[in-house]
Protein backbone atom coordinates (compact mmCIF):
# COMPACT_ATOMS: atom_id res chain seq x y z
CA MET A 1 41.66 -12.11 19.30
CA TRP A 2 38.43 -12.06 21.85
CA ALA A 3 35.19 -13.97 20.38
CA ILE A 4 32.32 -15.59 22.06
CA ALA A 5 32.08 -18.89 22.54
CA ALA A 6 30.25 -22.32 23.76
CA ALA A 7 32.65 -24.84 25.29
CA ASP A 8 30.30 -27.66 24.20
CA PHE A 9 27.04 -28.18 22.44
CA GLY A 10 24.26 -26.53 24.71
CA ALA A 11 26.55 -24.57 26.77
CA GLU A 12 26.13 -21.29 27.71
CA LEU A 13 28.46 -18.62 25.57
CA GLU A 14 31.59 -17.12 27.18
CA LEU A 15 34.06 -14.52 26.33
CA VAL A 16 37.04 -16.10 25.19
CA GLU A 17 40.55 -15.48 23.68
CA LEU A 18 41.65 -17.35 20.47
CA PRO A 19 44.53 -17.03 18.14
CA GLU A 20 43.31 -15.12 14.82
CA PRO A 21 42.31 -17.12 11.89
CA GLU A 22 44.30 -17.48 9.11
CA ALA A 23 43.02 -17.64 5.27
CA GLY A 24 43.43 -20.59 3.29
CA PRO A 25 43.40 -21.47 -0.69
CA ASN A 26 40.61 -19.26 -1.91
CA GLU A 27 39.50 -17.90 1.46
CA LEU A 28 39.56 -13.87 2.87
CA LYS A 29 40.33 -13.09 6.41
CA VAL A 30 38.07 -10.31 7.42
CA ARG A 31 38.28 -8.01 10.53
CA LEU A 32 34.58 -7.73 11.87
CA PHE A 33 32.86 -4.42 12.50
CA ALA A 34 30.02 -5.89 13.23
CA ALA A 35 28.10 -9.61 13.27
CA SER A 36 24.06 -9.92 13.68
CA VAL A 37 22.54 -12.71 15.64
CA ASN A 38 20.14 -15.11 13.73
CA PRO A 39 18.02 -17.94 15.34
CA PHE A 40 20.34 -20.33 13.43
CA ASP A 41 23.29 -19.59 15.33
CA ARG A 42 21.46 -20.64 18.68
CA LYS A 43 20.43 -23.71 16.90
CA VAL A 44 24.32 -24.35 15.90
CA VAL A 45 24.99 -24.48 19.65
CA ASP A 46 22.74 -26.67 20.65
CA GLY A 47 24.06 -29.16 18.16
CA MET A 48 21.44 -29.11 15.12
CA LEU A 49 24.31 -29.80 12.81
CA ARG A 50 25.61 -32.68 15.19
CA GLY A 51 26.69 -35.43 12.80
CA SER A 52 26.81 -33.63 9.83
CA GLY A 53 30.51 -32.63 9.84
CA GLU A 54 33.69 -31.32 11.81
CA HIS A 55 32.91 -29.01 14.73
CA ARG A 56 35.64 -26.94 16.19
CA PHE A 57 35.33 -25.81 19.74
CA PRO A 58 35.42 -23.59 21.54
CA LEU A 59 32.43 -23.06 19.16
CA VAL A 60 31.97 -19.66 17.70
CA PRO A 61 28.61 -19.09 16.26
CA GLY A 62 27.84 -16.19 13.58
CA THR A 63 26.81 -16.55 10.22
CA ASP A 64 26.39 -12.94 9.20
CA GLY A 65 28.68 -10.07 9.47
CA ALA A 66 30.07 -6.73 7.95
CA GLY A 67 34.21 -5.96 8.22
CA GLU A 68 37.00 -5.57 6.43
CA VAL A 69 39.37 -7.33 4.14
CA VAL A 70 42.50 -7.67 5.80
CA GLY A 71 45.24 -6.89 3.21
CA SER A 72 43.16 -5.19 0.57
CA GLY A 73 41.18 -3.04 2.91
CA GLU A 74 37.86 -4.02 0.88
CA ARG A 75 35.06 -3.62 3.27
CA ILE A 76 32.28 -6.60 2.63
CA PHE A 77 29.18 -7.57 4.12
CA GLY A 78 27.41 -10.98 3.84
CA THR A 79 27.14 -14.43 5.14
CA PHE A 80 30.17 -16.04 6.85
CA PHE A 81 29.04 -19.60 7.05
CA HIS A 82 31.18 -22.44 6.16
CA ARG A 83 32.96 -25.96 7.53
CA PRO A 84 34.26 -26.58 10.16
CA VAL A 85 31.16 -25.54 12.05
CA GLY A 86 31.90 -23.04 14.86
CA VAL A 87 34.53 -20.46 13.35
CA GLY A 88 31.63 -17.96 12.78
CA THR A 89 31.24 -14.47 13.30
CA TYR A 90 30.85 -13.91 16.72
CA ALA A 91 34.83 -12.81 16.67
CA GLU A 92 37.01 -9.97 15.93
CA TYR A 93 38.23 -11.91 12.96
CA VAL A 94 37.10 -14.46 10.62
CA THR A 95 37.87 -16.44 7.44
CA VAL A 96 35.86 -17.00 4.58
CA PRO A 97 35.57 -18.72 1.33
CA ALA A 98 35.75 -16.19 -1.62
CA GLY A 99 32.45 -18.07 -3.13
CA ASN A 100 30.37 -17.19 -0.32
CA ALA A 101 27.45 -14.71 -0.60
CA LEU A 102 29.45 -11.54 0.02
CA ALA A 103 29.07 -8.09 -1.48
CA PRO A 104 30.81 -4.53 -1.20
CA LEU A 105 29.59 -2.33 2.02
CA PRO A 106 29.04 0.80 1.04
CA GLU A 107 30.68 3.73 2.55
CA ASP A 108 27.14 5.63 3.55
CA LEU A 109 25.94 2.23 5.28
CA ASP A 110 26.39 1.24 8.92
CA PRO A 111 28.17 -1.87 9.35
CA ALA A 112 25.68 -2.68 11.69
CA VAL A 113 22.85 -2.29 9.28
CA ALA A 114 24.50 -4.14 6.65
CA ALA A 115 25.40 -6.83 9.19
CA ALA A 116 21.62 -7.69 10.10
CA LEU A 117 20.60 -7.44 6.62
CA PRO A 118 21.85 -10.63 4.66
CA THR A 119 20.38 -14.26 6.20
CA ALA A 120 17.20 -12.42 7.50
CA GLY A 121 16.99 -9.94 4.53
CA MET A 122 17.45 -12.61 1.80
CA THR A 123 15.20 -14.85 3.16
CA ALA A 124 12.13 -12.23 2.90
CA LEU A 125 13.10 -11.00 -0.27
CA GLN A 126 12.89 -14.61 -1.43
CA LEU A 127 9.98 -15.53 0.16
CA VAL A 128 8.21 -12.42 -1.28
CA GLU A 129 9.35 -12.66 -4.79
CA SER A 130 8.11 -16.42 -4.59
CA LEU A 131 4.54 -15.16 -4.07
CA GLY A 132 4.65 -14.87 -7.54
CA SER A 133 1.06 -12.33 -8.32
CA ALA A 134 -0.27 -13.01 -4.96
CA GLU A 135 -2.35 -9.65 -4.37
CA SER A 136 -2.40 -10.21 -0.74
CA VAL A 137 -0.55 -12.34 2.21
CA LEU A 138 -0.99 -13.41 5.40
CA ILE A 139 2.32 -13.36 7.18
CA ILE A 140 2.54 -15.29 10.58
CA GLY A 141 5.13 -13.76 12.90
CA PRO A 142 5.87 -10.14 11.27
CA ASN A 143 7.92 -8.60 14.17
CA GLY A 144 10.95 -10.74 14.18
CA GLY A 145 14.09 -9.98 11.51
CA VAL A 146 12.94 -12.17 8.37
CA GLY A 147 9.15 -11.06 9.66
CA SER A 148 9.92 -7.34 9.61
CA PHE A 149 11.43 -7.69 6.21
CA ALA A 150 8.95 -9.44 4.66
CA VAL A 151 6.04 -6.77 5.77
CA GLN A 152 7.81 -4.03 4.41
CA ILE A 153 9.39 -5.87 1.03
CA ALA A 154 5.39 -7.08 0.25
CA ARG A 155 4.22 -3.82 0.81
CA ALA A 156 6.81 -2.26 -1.46
CA ALA A 157 5.77 -5.03 -4.31
CA GLY A 158 2.19 -3.65 -4.10
CA LYS A 159 0.74 -6.31 -1.91
CA ARG A 160 -2.08 -5.88 0.77
CA VAL A 161 -0.09 -7.10 4.07
CA ILE A 162 -2.43 -8.96 6.80
CA PRO A 163 0.49 -9.04 10.01
CA VAL A 164 -0.79 -11.63 12.38
CA GLY A 165 0.63 -13.57 15.70
CA ARG A 166 0.87 -16.71 16.77
CA GLY A 167 -2.61 -18.12 17.32
CA ASP A 168 -4.58 -15.19 16.20
CA SER A 169 -7.51 -16.24 13.96
CA PRO A 170 -6.71 -16.69 10.19
CA VAL A 171 -7.76 -13.69 7.75
CA GLU A 172 -8.35 -14.06 3.99
CA ALA A 173 -5.32 -13.98 2.00
CA ASP A 174 -4.12 -15.04 -1.61
CA ALA A 175 -0.80 -16.44 0.42
CA LEU A 176 0.84 -17.44 3.46
CA ILE A 177 3.99 -16.73 5.01
CA ASP A 178 4.53 -19.09 8.50
CA LEU A 179 7.86 -17.66 10.58
CA VAL A 180 6.81 -19.34 13.55
CA SER A 181 4.83 -22.61 13.87
CA ALA A 182 7.13 -25.51 14.55
CA ASP A 183 4.69 -28.23 12.71
CA ARG A 184 2.15 -28.24 9.98
CA SER A 185 -0.99 -27.16 11.55
CA SER A 186 -0.67 -23.93 9.47
CA PHE A 187 -0.72 -25.92 6.08
CA GLU A 188 -3.56 -27.61 7.58
CA ALA A 189 -5.49 -24.95 8.76
CA ASN A 190 -4.89 -22.93 5.74
CA ALA A 191 -4.67 -25.40 2.95
CA ARG A 192 -6.28 -22.96 0.33
CA TYR A 193 -2.80 -21.04 0.34
CA ALA A 194 -0.96 -23.81 -1.51
CA PRO A 195 0.86 -23.63 -3.38
CA LEU A 196 1.66 -20.50 -1.85
CA ALA A 197 2.21 -21.41 1.20
CA PHE A 198 5.76 -21.31 2.95
CA ASN A 199 6.54 -22.28 6.60
CA THR A 200 10.19 -21.75 7.72
CA ASN A 201 10.27 -23.51 10.51
CA TYR A 202 8.83 -26.82 9.18
CA VAL A 203 9.87 -29.45 6.29
CA SER A 204 6.53 -30.57 4.29
CA SER A 205 6.04 -33.20 2.44
CA ASP A 206 4.49 -30.82 -0.45
CA PRO A 207 8.04 -29.27 -1.75
CA ALA A 208 6.38 -26.25 -2.95
CA GLN A 209 6.16 -25.50 0.48
CA ASN A 210 9.29 -25.52 1.56
CA PHE A 211 11.82 -22.78 1.22
CA GLY A 212 15.45 -22.98 1.11
CA MET A 213 17.38 -19.54 1.26
CA LYS A 214 19.44 -19.02 -1.25
CA GLY A 215 22.38 -16.31 -0.89
CA SER A 216 23.71 -14.29 -3.56
CA ARG A 217 25.89 -11.23 -3.98
CA GLU A 218 23.12 -9.40 -6.71
CA THR A 219 20.69 -10.26 -3.59
CA LEU A 220 22.70 -8.63 -0.89
CA VAL A 221 23.46 -5.12 -3.48
CA ARG A 222 19.68 -5.18 -4.20
CA LEU A 223 19.03 -5.38 -0.27
CA ALA A 224 22.09 -2.62 0.29
CA SER A 225 20.60 0.07 -2.29
CA MET A 226 16.93 -0.39 -0.91
CA VAL A 227 18.35 0.47 2.66
CA GLN A 228 19.94 3.18 1.07
CA ALA A 229 16.94 4.72 -0.66
CA GLY A 230 15.00 4.77 2.19
CA ASP A 231 12.86 1.92 1.07
CA LEU A 232 13.56 -0.46 3.88
CA SER A 233 14.47 0.10 7.34
CA VAL A 234 16.60 -2.26 9.36
CA PRO A 235 14.99 -3.21 12.88
CA ILE A 236 18.13 -3.11 15.38
CA ALA A 237 16.80 -3.52 18.67
CA ARG A 238 20.14 -3.85 20.39
CA ARG A 239 23.64 -2.92 19.70
CA VAL A 240 25.96 -5.14 22.17
CA PRO A 241 30.31 -4.48 22.34
CA LEU A 242 31.55 -7.70 21.55
CA ARG A 243 32.92 -8.12 25.02
CA GLU A 244 29.57 -8.26 26.88
CA ALA A 245 27.83 -10.02 23.92
CA THR A 246 27.63 -13.62 26.22
CA ASP A 247 23.51 -13.38 26.52
CA VAL A 248 22.91 -12.50 23.05
CA PHE A 249 20.62 -15.79 22.99
CA ALA A 250 18.30 -14.67 25.53
CA GLY A 251 16.10 -12.37 23.54
CA HIS A 252 15.10 -9.09 23.78
CA GLY A 253 11.93 -8.48 21.86
CA PRO A 254 11.32 -7.63 18.57
CA GLY A 255 13.96 -6.45 15.53
CA LYS A 256 17.60 -7.71 15.61
CA THR A 257 20.41 -8.46 18.14
CA VAL A 258 23.85 -6.66 16.71
CA ILE A 259 27.60 -7.51 18.10
CA ILE A 260 29.74 -4.90 17.89
CA MET A 261 33.31 -5.37 17.47
């Protein structure tokens, strides 16, 4: 099969030919239709999980995808990350534990759209729901995958959304979602928001301000239903054929990049 992979930590992505993976016990083998690109994927290639377990090289990144289960023909989408690290979704075939966050892919849902939903969509939905009854929310970094979903979901929930870019002057709100700051500056500058303040890039000493996405089949079904109903728009900025996808980490403005198999 063809895949996009890195030969070592920090290496450039390359198009490589690899053996098709074979499913083990309680695993599914999936022929992928599409895979989306997340910031986490690049961090994995750069060695974020080095030392935390086995890595397989060439390292194929990729967490999210949509495809068809080999053998049953069931169409699914969801999160495919599992150990060993390096057997991800930037490939024509992938295996995934049956217990991962996976859901049926509706016939009327574009696989590229479904592939762009899981990590960013579930993160945004759970962030907004974590705000409870807050009537307004300041979202720092509203144009990325998580940010664009969070803006829409918060507005659909009846909240007043104040989208701001990095470095913009703070504005009064009941809650804060910071998707871009790499340190605790947003917490210090906006302490009045605690505990309704979440920074997805920084680990705070206040557990209330730390956020960890918990994926589930039910959440994926909800997101797909929102898209089908026209309540959630998936911002796909770029669709790239697999064999031309060695530059997907370069960044191409707002919206998601999706690899098409």
